[in-house]
Amino acid sequence: MTGPDPIEAGVRLRRVPRQARSRQKLAKVLAAADRLLAAEGVEALTTTRVAAEAGVSVGALYQYLPDRDAITEALGDVYLGRLEDLMTSFAEQAARETWDDPVALLVDAFAGLYQAEPGFRALWFGRGLTEGTREADVAHKRVMAAGVHRVLVAQRLLRDDDAAATACRTAFLAADAVIQEAFRGGPAGAEALLGQLKVMLRAYLGQLPRP
């Protein structure tokens, strides 16, 4: 993680920093928390450890992130925001380009993000998910499924209707579960699982009515 802007990432905070300097400090804190999470797991995310890793005082950290749950929820918001930003960029590209294999492109891209984000894997596969993060993930899945629908409509592969939207939500939920399972055993992922996921998605989406 390279110091995202916490406000643009939609991070939930105890208090919202207004000045650029404060926002940069918070981004530095989140980057430090990400490093600790990736290296040592959720247990390392105490306010004392995170503040020390970021080079800020505990009091400064407490203004925005008062405890471990707040820190993990903020990181979760950043990780989910990166996935949603990537989906938005694909939806915009899909309106301008024609792709030979949209399924492979999307699966590979999101699998790549799992590979590149050890903190994300540590949070999702560990025991640190809070109720707030789980609720955010439910909303996130709806955003991502809508993004899949936008991509496939733009590629003229699906209709812009409720039935196709539901199919895309079903496809995304299945893909999300398989990709998580593929990376549960390590950052390399399971190529066989990802390959079969592409086969499954092509077959399922390919039998739906086209425009």
N, C-alpha and C. Protein backbone atom coordinates (compact mmCIF):
# COMPACT_ATOMS: atom_id res chain seq x y z
N MET A 1 0.85 -1.19 0.00
CA MET A 1 0.00 0.00 0.00
C MET A 1 0.88 1.23 0.00
N THR A 2 0.60 2.17 -0.86
CA THR A 2 1.48 3.32 -1.01
C THR A 2 0.79 4.60 -0.56
N GLY A 3 0.30 4.61 0.67
CA GLY A 3 -0.22 5.84 1.23
C GLY A 3 -1.42 6.42 0.53
N PRO A 4 -2.58 5.70 0.49
CA PRO A 4 -3.76 6.24 -0.16
C PRO A 4 -4.31 7.43 0.60
N ASP A 5 -5.03 8.30 -0.09
CA ASP A 5 -5.72 9.38 0.59
C ASP A 5 -6.89 8.76 1.34
N PRO A 6 -6.91 8.84 2.67
CA PRO A 6 -7.95 8.15 3.44
C PRO A 6 -9.34 8.68 3.19
N ILE A 7 -9.46 9.97 2.86
CA ILE A 7 -10.78 10.53 2.64
C ILE A 7 -11.34 10.05 1.31
N GLU A 8 -10.50 10.09 0.26
CA GLU A 8 -10.94 9.62 -1.05
C GLU A 8 -11.27 8.12 -1.01
N ALA A 9 -10.58 7.38 -0.14
CA ALA A 9 -10.84 5.94 -0.03
C ALA A 9 -12.10 5.64 0.77
N GLY A 10 -12.75 6.65 1.32
CA GLY A 10 -13.99 6.44 2.06
C GLY A 10 -13.79 5.79 3.41
N VAL A 11 -12.63 6.02 4.02
CA VAL A 11 -12.33 5.39 5.30
C VAL A 11 -13.19 5.99 6.40
N ARG A 12 -13.75 5.13 7.24
CA ARG A 12 -14.54 5.57 8.39
C ARG A 12 -13.59 5.95 9.52
N LEU A 13 -13.75 7.15 10.04
CA LEU A 13 -12.82 7.67 11.04
C LEU A 13 -13.56 8.25 12.23
N ARG A 14 -12.87 8.26 13.36
CA ARG A 14 -13.42 8.90 14.55
C ARG A 14 -13.58 10.40 14.32
N ARG A 15 -12.63 10.96 13.61
CA ARG A 15 -12.66 12.37 13.25
C ARG A 15 -12.04 12.51 11.87
N VAL A 16 -12.60 13.35 11.02
CA VAL A 16 -12.11 13.50 9.65
C VAL A 16 -11.06 14.60 9.60
N PRO A 17 -9.83 14.30 9.14
CA PRO A 17 -8.80 15.33 9.02
C PRO A 17 -9.12 16.27 7.85
N ARG A 18 -8.96 17.56 8.09
CA ARG A 18 -9.29 18.56 7.06
C ARG A 18 -8.04 19.06 6.34
N GLN A 19 -6.97 19.25 7.07
CA GLN A 19 -5.76 19.81 6.47
C GLN A 19 -4.99 18.74 5.71
N ALA A 20 -4.31 19.18 4.65
CA ALA A 20 -3.54 18.24 3.83
C ALA A 20 -2.48 17.51 4.66
N ARG A 21 -1.86 18.24 5.58
CA ARG A 21 -0.83 17.62 6.42
C ARG A 21 -1.40 16.50 7.27
N SER A 22 -2.58 16.73 7.83
CA SER A 22 -3.22 15.70 8.65
C SER A 22 -3.64 14.50 7.82
N ARG A 23 -4.11 14.76 6.62
CA ARG A 23 -4.49 13.66 5.73
C ARG A 23 -3.28 12.83 5.34
N GLN A 24 -2.16 13.49 5.10
CA GLN A 24 -0.94 12.78 4.77
C GLN A 24 -0.46 11.94 5.95
N LYS A 25 -0.61 12.48 7.14
CA LYS A 25 -0.20 11.75 8.34
C LYS A 25 -1.06 10.50 8.51
N LEU A 26 -2.36 10.64 8.28
CA LEU A 26 -3.24 9.49 8.39
C LEU A 26 -2.92 8.44 7.33
N ALA A 27 -2.63 8.88 6.11
CA ALA A 27 -2.23 7.94 5.06
C ALA A 27 -0.97 7.19 5.48
N LYS A 28 -0.04 7.89 6.11
CA LYS A 28 1.20 7.27 6.61
C LYS A 28 0.88 6.22 7.67
N VAL A 29 -0.07 6.54 8.53
CA VAL A 29 -0.49 5.59 9.57
C VAL A 29 -1.08 4.33 8.95
N LEU A 30 -1.94 4.51 7.95
CA LEU A 30 -2.56 3.35 7.30
C LEU A 30 -1.53 2.50 6.57
N ALA A 31 -0.55 3.15 5.95
CA ALA A 31 0.50 2.40 5.28
C ALA A 31 1.31 1.60 6.30
N ALA A 32 1.57 2.19 7.46
CA ALA A 32 2.29 1.48 8.52
C ALA A 32 1.47 0.30 9.03
N ALA A 33 0.18 0.52 9.23
CA ALA A 33 -0.70 -0.57 9.69
C ALA A 33 -0.75 -1.70 8.66
N ASP A 34 -0.76 -1.34 7.40
CA ASP A 34 -0.75 -2.35 6.33
C ASP A 34 0.52 -3.20 6.40
N ARG A 35 1.65 -2.57 6.63
CA ARG A 35 2.92 -3.32 6.73
C ARG A 35 2.89 -4.28 7.91
N LEU A 36 2.41 -3.81 9.05
CA LEU A 36 2.34 -4.66 10.23
C LEU A 36 1.37 -5.82 10.01
N LEU A 37 0.24 -5.52 9.42
CA LEU A 37 -0.76 -6.56 9.16
C LEU A 37 -0.20 -7.64 8.25
N ALA A 38 0.50 -7.23 7.20
CA ALA A 38 1.07 -8.19 6.26
C ALA A 38 2.15 -9.04 6.91
N ALA A 39 2.95 -8.43 7.79
CA ALA A 39 4.09 -9.13 8.38
C ALA A 39 3.72 -9.97 9.58
N GLU A 40 2.76 -9.49 10.40
CA GLU A 40 2.53 -10.14 11.69
C GLU A 40 1.07 -10.50 11.97
N GLY A 41 0.16 -10.07 11.12
CA GLY A 41 -1.25 -10.38 11.35
C GLY A 41 -1.96 -9.32 12.16
N VAL A 42 -3.26 -9.53 12.35
CA VAL A 42 -4.13 -8.54 13.00
C VAL A 42 -3.68 -8.25 14.43
N GLU A 43 -3.12 -9.24 15.11
CA GLU A 43 -2.74 -9.07 16.51
C GLU A 43 -1.72 -7.95 16.69
N ALA A 44 -0.97 -7.64 15.64
CA ALA A 44 0.06 -6.59 15.73
C ALA A 44 -0.54 -5.19 15.67
N LEU A 45 -1.81 -5.06 15.33
CA LEU A 45 -2.40 -3.75 15.09
C LEU A 45 -2.89 -3.07 16.36
N THR A 46 -2.03 -2.95 17.35
CA THR A 46 -2.35 -2.14 18.51
C THR A 46 -2.03 -0.69 18.19
N THR A 47 -2.68 0.23 18.89
CA THR A 47 -2.41 1.64 18.63
C THR A 47 -0.94 1.97 18.91
N THR A 48 -0.36 1.33 19.92
CA THR A 48 1.04 1.59 20.25
C THR A 48 1.97 1.14 19.12
N ARG A 49 1.77 -0.09 18.62
CA ARG A 49 2.62 -0.60 17.55
C ARG A 49 2.46 0.20 16.27
N VAL A 50 1.23 0.50 15.91
CA VAL A 50 0.98 1.23 14.66
C VAL A 50 1.56 2.63 14.73
N ALA A 51 1.38 3.31 15.87
CA ALA A 51 1.92 4.66 16.03
C ALA A 51 3.45 4.64 15.92
N ALA A 52 4.07 3.65 16.55
CA ALA A 52 5.53 3.56 16.50
C ALA A 52 6.01 3.28 15.08
N GLU A 53 5.33 2.38 14.38
CA GLU A 53 5.71 2.05 13.01
C GLU A 53 5.56 3.26 12.09
N ALA A 54 4.54 4.07 12.36
CA ALA A 54 4.28 5.24 11.51
C ALA A 54 5.11 6.45 11.90
N GLY A 55 5.71 6.40 13.11
CA GLY A 55 6.48 7.55 13.58
C GLY A 55 5.63 8.71 14.03
N VAL A 56 4.45 8.39 14.62
CA VAL A 56 3.57 9.43 15.16
C VAL A 56 3.27 9.10 16.61
N SER A 57 2.72 10.04 17.33
CA SER A 57 2.37 9.78 18.73
C SER A 57 1.08 8.98 18.80
N VAL A 58 0.91 8.25 19.89
CA VAL A 58 -0.34 7.50 20.09
C VAL A 58 -1.51 8.47 20.14
N GLY A 59 -1.30 9.63 20.75
CA GLY A 59 -2.38 10.63 20.83
C GLY A 59 -2.83 11.10 19.46
N ALA A 60 -1.86 11.29 18.55
CA ALA A 60 -2.22 11.71 17.19
C ALA A 60 -3.02 10.63 16.49
N LEU A 61 -2.60 9.38 16.67
CA LEU A 61 -3.32 8.26 16.05
C LEU A 61 -4.73 8.15 16.62
N TYR A 62 -4.85 8.32 17.95
CA TYR A 62 -6.14 8.14 18.63
C TYR A 62 -7.20 9.12 18.15
N GLN A 63 -6.78 10.27 17.65
CA GLN A 63 -7.76 11.24 17.14
C GLN A 63 -8.63 10.64 16.04
N TYR A 64 -8.03 9.75 15.25
CA TYR A 64 -8.72 9.22 14.08
C TYR A 64 -9.06 7.73 14.21
N LEU A 65 -8.15 6.97 14.80
CA LEU A 65 -8.32 5.52 14.89
C LEU A 65 -8.04 5.10 16.34
N PRO A 66 -9.07 5.01 17.17
CA PRO A 66 -8.86 4.84 18.61
C PRO A 66 -8.51 3.43 19.07
N ASP A 67 -8.73 2.42 18.24
CA ASP A 67 -8.44 1.06 18.69
C ASP A 67 -8.20 0.14 17.50
N ARG A 68 -7.92 -1.13 17.80
CA ARG A 68 -7.60 -2.10 16.74
C ARG A 68 -8.76 -2.25 15.75
N ASP A 69 -9.98 -2.31 16.25
CA ASP A 69 -11.12 -2.47 15.34
C ASP A 69 -11.20 -1.31 14.35
N ALA A 70 -10.97 -0.11 14.85
CA ALA A 70 -11.02 1.05 13.96
C ALA A 70 -9.92 0.98 12.91
N ILE A 71 -8.75 0.49 13.32
CA ILE A 71 -7.63 0.37 12.38
C ILE A 71 -7.94 -0.67 11.30
N THR A 72 -8.45 -1.84 11.73
CA THR A 72 -8.74 -2.89 10.74
C THR A 72 -9.89 -2.47 9.83
N GLU A 73 -10.88 -1.77 10.36
CA GLU A 73 -11.98 -1.30 9.52
C GLU A 73 -11.49 -0.27 8.50
N ALA A 74 -10.57 0.60 8.93
CA ALA A 74 -10.02 1.59 8.00
C ALA A 74 -9.23 0.90 6.90
N LEU A 75 -8.42 -0.10 7.26
CA LEU A 75 -7.68 -0.84 6.24
C LEU A 75 -8.64 -1.58 5.31
N GLY A 76 -9.69 -2.18 5.87
CA GLY A 76 -10.67 -2.86 5.04
C GLY A 76 -11.31 -1.92 4.04
N ASP A 77 -11.62 -0.70 4.48
CA ASP A 77 -12.20 0.29 3.57
C ASP A 77 -11.25 0.60 2.42
N VAL A 78 -9.95 0.72 2.74
CA VAL A 78 -8.97 1.02 1.70
C VAL A 78 -8.86 -0.13 0.71
N TYR A 79 -8.76 -1.36 1.22
CA TYR A 79 -8.63 -2.52 0.34
C TYR A 79 -9.85 -2.65 -0.57
N LEU A 80 -11.05 -2.55 0.01
CA LEU A 80 -12.26 -2.68 -0.80
C LEU A 80 -12.36 -1.53 -1.81
N GLY A 81 -11.93 -0.35 -1.40
CA GLY A 81 -11.95 0.78 -2.31
C GLY A 81 -11.04 0.56 -3.51
N ARG A 82 -9.90 -0.09 -3.29
CA ARG A 82 -9.00 -0.35 -4.41
C ARG A 82 -9.63 -1.33 -5.40
N LEU A 83 -10.32 -2.33 -4.89
CA LEU A 83 -11.01 -3.26 -5.78
C LEU A 83 -12.10 -2.54 -6.58
N GLU A 84 -12.85 -1.67 -5.90
CA GLU A 84 -13.93 -0.96 -6.59
C GLU A 84 -13.37 0.03 -7.62
N ASP A 85 -12.26 0.67 -7.28
CA ASP A 85 -11.63 1.58 -8.25
C ASP A 85 -11.17 0.82 -9.50
N LEU A 86 -10.63 -0.38 -9.28
CA LEU A 86 -10.19 -1.19 -10.42
C LEU A 86 -11.38 -1.58 -11.29
N MET A 87 -12.49 -1.96 -10.66
CA MET A 87 -13.69 -2.33 -11.42
C MET A 87 -14.21 -1.13 -12.20
N THR A 88 -14.20 0.05 -11.58
CA THR A 88 -14.66 1.26 -12.27
C THR A 88 -13.80 1.53 -13.50
N SER A 89 -12.49 1.35 -13.37
CA SER A 89 -11.61 1.59 -14.51
C SER A 89 -11.89 0.61 -15.64
N PHE A 90 -12.20 -0.64 -15.30
CA PHE A 90 -12.54 -1.62 -16.33
C PHE A 90 -13.86 -1.27 -17.01
N ALA A 91 -14.83 -0.83 -16.24
CA ALA A 91 -16.11 -0.45 -16.82
C ALA A 91 -15.94 0.71 -17.81
N GLU A 92 -15.08 1.65 -17.45
CA GLU A 92 -14.83 2.78 -18.35
C GLU A 92 -14.08 2.33 -19.61
N GLN A 93 -13.11 1.42 -19.45
CA GLN A 93 -12.39 0.90 -20.60
C GLN A 93 -13.31 0.10 -21.52
N ALA A 94 -14.20 -0.68 -20.90
CA ALA A 94 -15.08 -1.56 -21.68
C ALA A 94 -15.98 -0.77 -22.61
N ALA A 95 -16.28 0.46 -22.25
CA ALA A 95 -17.13 1.31 -23.10
C ALA A 95 -16.37 1.82 -24.33
N ARG A 96 -15.03 1.74 -24.28
CA ARG A 96 -14.21 2.27 -25.37
C ARG A 96 -13.54 1.18 -26.22
N GLU A 97 -13.43 -0.03 -25.67
CA GLU A 97 -12.67 -1.09 -26.31
C GLU A 97 -13.52 -2.36 -26.46
N THR A 98 -13.05 -3.26 -27.30
CA THR A 98 -13.67 -4.58 -27.41
C THR A 98 -12.64 -5.62 -27.00
N TRP A 99 -13.00 -6.48 -26.06
CA TRP A 99 -12.08 -7.47 -25.52
C TRP A 99 -12.43 -8.87 -26.03
N ASP A 100 -11.42 -9.65 -26.32
CA ASP A 100 -11.63 -11.02 -26.78
C ASP A 100 -12.17 -11.91 -25.67
N ASP A 101 -11.71 -11.69 -24.43
CA ASP A 101 -12.08 -12.57 -23.32
C ASP A 101 -12.22 -11.75 -22.04
N PRO A 102 -13.36 -11.07 -21.88
CA PRO A 102 -13.55 -10.24 -20.68
C PRO A 102 -13.44 -11.03 -19.38
N VAL A 103 -13.90 -12.29 -19.38
CA VAL A 103 -13.84 -13.10 -18.16
C VAL A 103 -12.40 -13.28 -17.72
N ALA A 104 -11.52 -13.68 -18.62
CA ALA A 104 -10.11 -13.90 -18.26
C ALA A 104 -9.47 -12.60 -17.80
N LEU A 105 -9.80 -11.49 -18.49
CA LEU A 105 -9.21 -10.21 -18.13
C LEU A 105 -9.58 -9.83 -16.70
N LEU A 106 -10.85 -9.97 -16.34
CA LEU A 106 -11.30 -9.58 -15.00
C LEU A 106 -10.75 -10.53 -13.94
N VAL A 107 -10.82 -11.82 -14.17
CA VAL A 107 -10.32 -12.78 -13.18
C VAL A 107 -8.83 -12.55 -12.94
N ASP A 108 -8.05 -12.40 -14.00
CA ASP A 108 -6.61 -12.20 -13.85
C ASP A 108 -6.30 -10.90 -13.11
N ALA A 109 -7.05 -9.86 -13.41
CA ALA A 109 -6.79 -8.56 -12.78
C ALA A 109 -7.06 -8.62 -11.28
N PHE A 110 -8.17 -9.21 -10.89
CA PHE A 110 -8.50 -9.24 -9.47
C PHE A 110 -7.67 -10.27 -8.71
N ALA A 111 -7.30 -11.35 -9.38
CA ALA A 111 -6.35 -12.29 -8.78
C ALA A 111 -5.01 -11.60 -8.56
N GLY A 112 -4.62 -10.74 -9.49
CA GLY A 112 -3.37 -10.00 -9.36
C GLY A 112 -3.38 -9.08 -8.16
N LEU A 113 -4.53 -8.50 -7.85
CA LEU A 113 -4.62 -7.61 -6.69
C LEU A 113 -4.47 -8.42 -5.40
N TYR A 114 -5.05 -9.61 -5.37
CA TYR A 114 -4.85 -10.48 -4.20
C TYR A 114 -3.36 -10.79 -4.04
N GLN A 115 -2.68 -11.08 -5.14
CA GLN A 115 -1.25 -11.38 -5.07
C GLN A 115 -0.45 -10.20 -4.55
N ALA A 116 -0.84 -8.99 -4.96
CA ALA A 116 -0.05 -7.80 -4.65
C ALA A 116 -0.34 -7.22 -3.27
N GLU A 117 -1.38 -7.69 -2.59
CA GLU A 117 -1.80 -7.09 -1.33
C GLU A 117 -1.74 -8.09 -0.18
N PRO A 118 -0.56 -8.33 0.42
CA PRO A 118 -0.48 -9.28 1.53
C PRO A 118 -1.31 -8.86 2.74
N GLY A 119 -1.44 -7.55 2.97
CA GLY A 119 -2.26 -7.10 4.08
C GLY A 119 -3.72 -7.46 3.89
N PHE A 120 -4.19 -7.30 2.66
CA PHE A 120 -5.57 -7.66 2.33
C PHE A 120 -5.83 -9.14 2.62
N ARG A 121 -4.89 -9.99 2.18
CA ARG A 121 -5.04 -11.43 2.43
C ARG A 121 -5.01 -11.72 3.93
N ALA A 122 -4.11 -11.06 4.65
CA ALA A 122 -3.99 -11.30 6.09
C ALA A 122 -5.27 -10.91 6.82
N LEU A 123 -5.91 -9.84 6.39
CA LEU A 123 -7.14 -9.40 7.05
C LEU A 123 -8.29 -10.33 6.72
N TRP A 124 -8.47 -10.63 5.44
CA TRP A 124 -9.63 -11.42 5.03
C TRP A 124 -9.53 -12.88 5.45
N PHE A 125 -8.32 -13.41 5.53
CA PHE A 125 -8.15 -14.81 5.87
C PHE A 125 -7.83 -15.03 7.34
N GLY A 126 -7.71 -13.95 8.10
CA GLY A 126 -7.43 -14.06 9.51
C GLY A 126 -8.70 -13.97 10.35
N ARG A 127 -8.52 -13.55 11.61
CA ARG A 127 -9.66 -13.48 12.52
C ARG A 127 -10.00 -12.04 12.89
N GLY A 128 -9.58 -11.10 12.06
CA GLY A 128 -9.72 -9.70 12.43
C GLY A 128 -10.90 -8.97 11.84
N LEU A 129 -11.77 -9.65 11.11
CA LEU A 129 -12.90 -8.96 10.50
C LEU A 129 -13.90 -8.54 11.57
N THR A 130 -14.24 -7.27 11.59
CA THR A 130 -15.22 -6.76 12.52
C THR A 130 -16.61 -6.79 11.88
N GLU A 131 -17.62 -6.53 12.68
CA GLU A 131 -18.97 -6.47 12.14
C GLU A 131 -19.07 -5.35 11.11
N GLY A 132 -18.38 -4.23 11.38
CA GLY A 132 -18.41 -3.12 10.44
C GLY A 132 -17.77 -3.48 9.11
N THR A 133 -16.68 -4.23 9.15
CA THR A 133 -16.02 -4.65 7.91
C THR A 133 -16.89 -5.63 7.15
N ARG A 134 -17.54 -6.53 7.85
CA ARG A 134 -18.43 -7.48 7.18
C ARG A 134 -19.59 -6.76 6.50
N GLU A 135 -20.14 -5.74 7.16
CA GLU A 135 -21.22 -4.97 6.54
C GLU A 135 -20.71 -4.22 5.31
N ALA A 136 -19.51 -3.65 5.43
CA ALA A 136 -18.93 -2.96 4.28
C ALA A 136 -18.71 -3.92 3.12
N ASP A 137 -18.35 -5.15 3.43
CA ASP A 137 -18.10 -6.14 2.38
C ASP A 137 -19.39 -6.51 1.65
N VAL A 138 -20.50 -6.54 2.36
CA VAL A 138 -21.79 -6.83 1.71
C VAL A 138 -22.11 -5.74 0.68
N ALA A 139 -21.93 -4.47 1.08
CA ALA A 139 -22.17 -3.37 0.15
C ALA A 139 -21.17 -3.41 -1.00
N HIS A 140 -19.93 -3.76 -0.68
CA HIS A 140 -18.88 -3.86 -1.69
C HIS A 140 -19.23 -4.88 -2.76
N LYS A 141 -19.75 -6.02 -2.36
CA LYS A 141 -20.09 -7.07 -3.33
C LYS A 141 -21.16 -6.59 -4.30
N ARG A 142 -22.09 -5.79 -3.82
CA ARG A 142 -23.13 -5.26 -4.72
C ARG A 142 -22.52 -4.27 -5.72
N VAL A 143 -21.59 -3.44 -5.26
CA VAL A 143 -20.91 -2.51 -6.16
C VAL A 143 -20.14 -3.27 -7.23
N MET A 144 -19.43 -4.31 -6.81
CA MET A 144 -18.61 -5.07 -7.75
C MET A 144 -19.47 -5.82 -8.76
N ALA A 145 -20.57 -6.40 -8.29
CA ALA A 145 -21.46 -7.11 -9.20
C ALA A 145 -22.06 -6.16 -10.23
N ALA A 146 -22.42 -4.96 -9.79
CA ALA A 146 -22.94 -3.95 -10.72
C ALA A 146 -21.86 -3.57 -11.74
N GLY A 147 -20.60 -3.55 -11.29
CA GLY A 147 -19.50 -3.26 -12.20
C GLY A 147 -19.34 -4.33 -13.26
N VAL A 148 -19.46 -5.59 -12.87
CA VAL A 148 -19.40 -6.69 -13.83
C VAL A 148 -20.50 -6.52 -14.88
N HIS A 149 -21.69 -6.18 -14.42
CA HIS A 149 -22.81 -5.98 -15.34
C HIS A 149 -22.51 -4.84 -16.32
N ARG A 150 -21.98 -3.75 -15.81
CA ARG A 150 -21.62 -2.61 -16.67
C ARG A 150 -20.62 -3.04 -17.74
N VAL A 151 -19.62 -3.81 -17.33
CA VAL A 151 -18.59 -4.25 -18.27
C VAL A 151 -19.21 -5.09 -19.38
N LEU A 152 -20.03 -6.06 -19.00
CA LEU A 152 -20.57 -6.99 -19.99
C LEU A 152 -21.64 -6.35 -20.87
N VAL A 153 -22.36 -5.37 -20.33
CA VAL A 153 -23.29 -4.60 -21.17
C VAL A 153 -22.51 -3.77 -22.18
N ALA A 154 -21.45 -3.12 -21.71
CA ALA A 154 -20.63 -2.29 -22.60
C ALA A 154 -19.99 -3.13 -23.70
N GLN A 155 -19.67 -4.39 -23.38
CA GLN A 155 -19.08 -5.28 -24.38
C GLN A 155 -20.13 -5.95 -25.26
N ARG A 156 -21.38 -5.59 -25.06
CA ARG A 156 -22.52 -6.12 -25.81
C ARG A 156 -22.64 -7.65 -25.67
N LEU A 157 -22.35 -8.11 -24.47
CA LEU A 157 -22.47 -9.54 -24.18
C LEU A 157 -23.71 -9.87 -23.35
N LEU A 158 -24.26 -8.86 -22.67
CA LEU A 158 -25.45 -9.07 -21.86
C LEU A 158 -26.41 -7.90 -22.03
N ARG A 159 -27.66 -8.15 -21.71
CA ARG A 159 -28.66 -7.10 -21.77
C ARG A 159 -28.57 -6.22 -20.53
N ASP A 160 -29.05 -5.01 -20.66
CA ASP A 160 -29.09 -4.08 -19.53
C ASP A 160 -30.44 -4.21 -18.85
N ASP A 161 -30.65 -5.33 -18.16
CA ASP A 161 -31.93 -5.55 -17.48
C ASP A 161 -31.69 -6.24 -16.14
N ASP A 162 -32.76 -6.40 -15.36
CA ASP A 162 -32.63 -6.95 -14.01
C ASP A 162 -32.16 -8.40 -14.02
N ALA A 163 -32.61 -9.18 -14.98
CA ALA A 163 -32.21 -10.59 -15.04
C ALA A 163 -30.70 -10.71 -15.24
N ALA A 164 -30.16 -9.91 -16.14
CA ALA A 164 -28.72 -9.93 -16.38
C ALA A 164 -27.96 -9.42 -15.16
N ALA A 165 -28.50 -8.41 -14.48
CA ALA A 165 -27.85 -7.88 -13.28
C ALA A 165 -27.78 -8.94 -12.19
N THR A 166 -28.87 -9.70 -12.04
CA THR A 166 -28.88 -10.78 -11.05
C THR A 166 -27.88 -11.87 -11.42
N ALA A 167 -27.80 -12.18 -12.70
CA ALA A 167 -26.82 -13.17 -13.16
C ALA A 167 -25.40 -12.71 -12.87
N CYS A 168 -25.14 -11.44 -13.06
CA CYS A 168 -23.80 -10.91 -12.80
C CYS A 168 -23.49 -10.93 -11.31
N ARG A 169 -24.50 -10.67 -10.50
CA ARG A 169 -24.27 -10.76 -9.05
C ARG A 169 -23.94 -12.19 -8.66
N THR A 170 -24.67 -13.14 -9.22
CA THR A 170 -24.41 -14.55 -8.95
C THR A 170 -23.00 -14.93 -9.39
N ALA A 171 -22.62 -14.49 -10.58
CA ALA A 171 -21.28 -14.80 -11.11
C ALA A 171 -20.20 -14.18 -10.24
N PHE A 172 -20.41 -12.93 -9.80
CA PHE A 172 -19.39 -12.30 -8.98
C PHE A 172 -19.24 -12.99 -7.63
N LEU A 173 -20.35 -13.33 -7.00
CA LEU A 173 -20.27 -14.00 -5.69
C LEU A 173 -19.53 -15.33 -5.80
N ALA A 174 -19.80 -16.06 -6.88
CA ALA A 174 -19.09 -17.33 -7.09
C ALA A 174 -17.61 -17.09 -7.33
N ALA A 175 -17.30 -16.10 -8.17
CA ALA A 175 -15.90 -15.80 -8.48
C ALA A 175 -15.14 -15.33 -7.25
N ASP A 176 -15.78 -14.50 -6.44
CA ASP A 176 -15.15 -13.98 -5.23
C ASP A 176 -14.77 -15.13 -4.29
N ALA A 177 -15.68 -16.08 -4.14
CA ALA A 177 -15.41 -17.22 -3.25
C ALA A 177 -14.26 -18.08 -3.78
N VAL A 178 -14.23 -18.32 -5.08
CA VAL A 178 -13.18 -19.17 -5.66
C VAL A 178 -11.82 -18.46 -5.60
N ILE A 179 -11.79 -17.17 -5.91
CA ILE A 179 -10.52 -16.43 -5.86
C ILE A 179 -9.98 -16.41 -4.43
N GLN A 180 -10.85 -16.19 -3.46
CA GLN A 180 -10.38 -16.22 -2.07
C GLN A 180 -9.81 -17.59 -1.73
N GLU A 181 -10.48 -18.64 -2.13
CA GLU A 181 -9.98 -19.98 -1.84
C GLU A 181 -8.65 -20.24 -2.53
N ALA A 182 -8.49 -19.71 -3.74
CA ALA A 182 -7.25 -19.90 -4.49
C ALA A 182 -6.05 -19.29 -3.77
N PHE A 183 -6.28 -18.17 -3.06
CA PHE A 183 -5.17 -17.49 -2.40
C PHE A 183 -5.08 -17.78 -0.91
N ARG A 184 -5.97 -18.59 -0.41
CA ARG A 184 -5.93 -18.90 1.02
C ARG A 184 -4.65 -19.64 1.39
N GLY A 185 -4.12 -20.42 0.46
CA GLY A 185 -2.92 -21.20 0.75
C GLY A 185 -1.63 -20.47 0.49
N GLY A 186 -1.67 -19.25 -0.06
CA GLY A 186 -0.44 -18.52 -0.32
C GLY A 186 -0.61 -17.54 -1.44
N PRO A 187 0.36 -16.63 -1.61
CA PRO A 187 0.22 -15.54 -2.57
C PRO A 187 0.26 -15.97 -4.03
N ALA A 188 0.80 -17.15 -4.32
CA ALA A 188 0.89 -17.58 -5.71
C ALA A 188 -0.48 -17.92 -6.28
N GLY A 189 -1.41 -18.28 -5.42
CA GLY A 189 -2.73 -18.68 -5.91
C GLY A 189 -2.71 -20.07 -6.49
N ALA A 190 -3.88 -20.59 -6.73
CA ALA A 190 -3.99 -21.93 -7.30
C ALA A 190 -4.42 -21.79 -8.75
N GLU A 191 -3.46 -21.96 -9.66
CA GLU A 191 -3.73 -21.75 -11.08
C GLU A 191 -4.85 -22.65 -11.60
N ALA A 192 -4.90 -23.88 -11.09
CA ALA A 192 -5.94 -24.81 -11.55
C ALA A 192 -7.32 -24.28 -11.18
N LEU A 193 -7.46 -23.77 -9.95
CA LEU A 193 -8.75 -23.22 -9.52
C LEU A 193 -9.14 -22.01 -10.37
N LEU A 194 -8.19 -21.12 -10.59
CA LEU A 194 -8.49 -19.91 -11.37
C LEU A 194 -8.83 -20.26 -12.81
N GLY A 195 -8.15 -21.25 -13.35
CA GLY A 195 -8.47 -21.69 -14.71
C GLY A 195 -9.86 -22.25 -14.82
N GLN A 196 -10.25 -23.08 -13.85
CA GLN A 196 -11.60 -23.65 -13.87
C GLN A 196 -12.66 -22.60 -13.59
N LEU A 197 -12.30 -21.60 -12.79
CA LEU A 197 -13.23 -20.49 -12.56
C LEU A 197 -13.58 -19.80 -13.87
N LYS A 198 -12.59 -19.56 -14.71
CA LYS A 198 -12.83 -18.93 -16.01
C LYS A 198 -13.74 -19.79 -16.87
N VAL A 199 -13.48 -21.09 -16.88
CA VAL A 199 -14.33 -22.01 -17.65
C VAL A 199 -15.78 -21.93 -17.17
N MET A 200 -15.96 -21.96 -15.85
CA MET A 200 -17.29 -21.92 -15.26
C MET A 200 -18.02 -20.62 -15.61
N LEU A 201 -17.32 -19.49 -15.46
CA LEU A 201 -17.95 -18.20 -15.72
C LEU A 201 -18.30 -18.02 -17.19
N ARG A 202 -17.41 -18.46 -18.08
CA ARG A 202 -17.72 -18.35 -19.51
C ARG A 202 -18.97 -19.17 -19.85
N ALA A 203 -19.07 -20.37 -19.29
CA ALA A 203 -20.22 -21.23 -19.59
C ALA A 203 -21.51 -20.63 -19.04
N TYR A 204 -21.44 -20.13 -17.81
CA TYR A 204 -22.64 -19.58 -17.17
C TYR A 204 -23.11 -18.31 -17.87
N LEU A 205 -22.18 -17.37 -18.05
CA LEU A 205 -22.55 -16.09 -18.66
C LEU A 205 -22.85 -16.25 -20.15
N GLY A 206 -22.20 -17.21 -20.79
CA GLY A 206 -22.38 -17.41 -22.23
C GLY A 206 -23.75 -17.92 -22.62
N GLN A 207 -24.46 -18.54 -21.67
CA GLN A 207 -25.78 -19.07 -22.02
C GLN A 207 -26.90 -18.06 -21.78
N LEU A 208 -26.55 -16.88 -21.29
CA LEU A 208 -27.56 -15.85 -21.02
C LEU A 208 -27.94 -15.11 -22.31
N PRO A 209 -29.15 -14.58 -22.38
CA PRO A 209 -29.57 -13.84 -23.60
C PRO A 209 -28.69 -12.65 -23.88
N ARG A 210 -28.34 -12.47 -25.13
CA ARG A 210 -27.53 -11.32 -25.55
C ARG A 210 -28.45 -10.20 -26.07
N PRO A 211 -27.94 -8.98 -26.13
CA PRO A 211 -28.78 -7.87 -26.64
C PRO A 211 -29.04 -8.02 -28.13
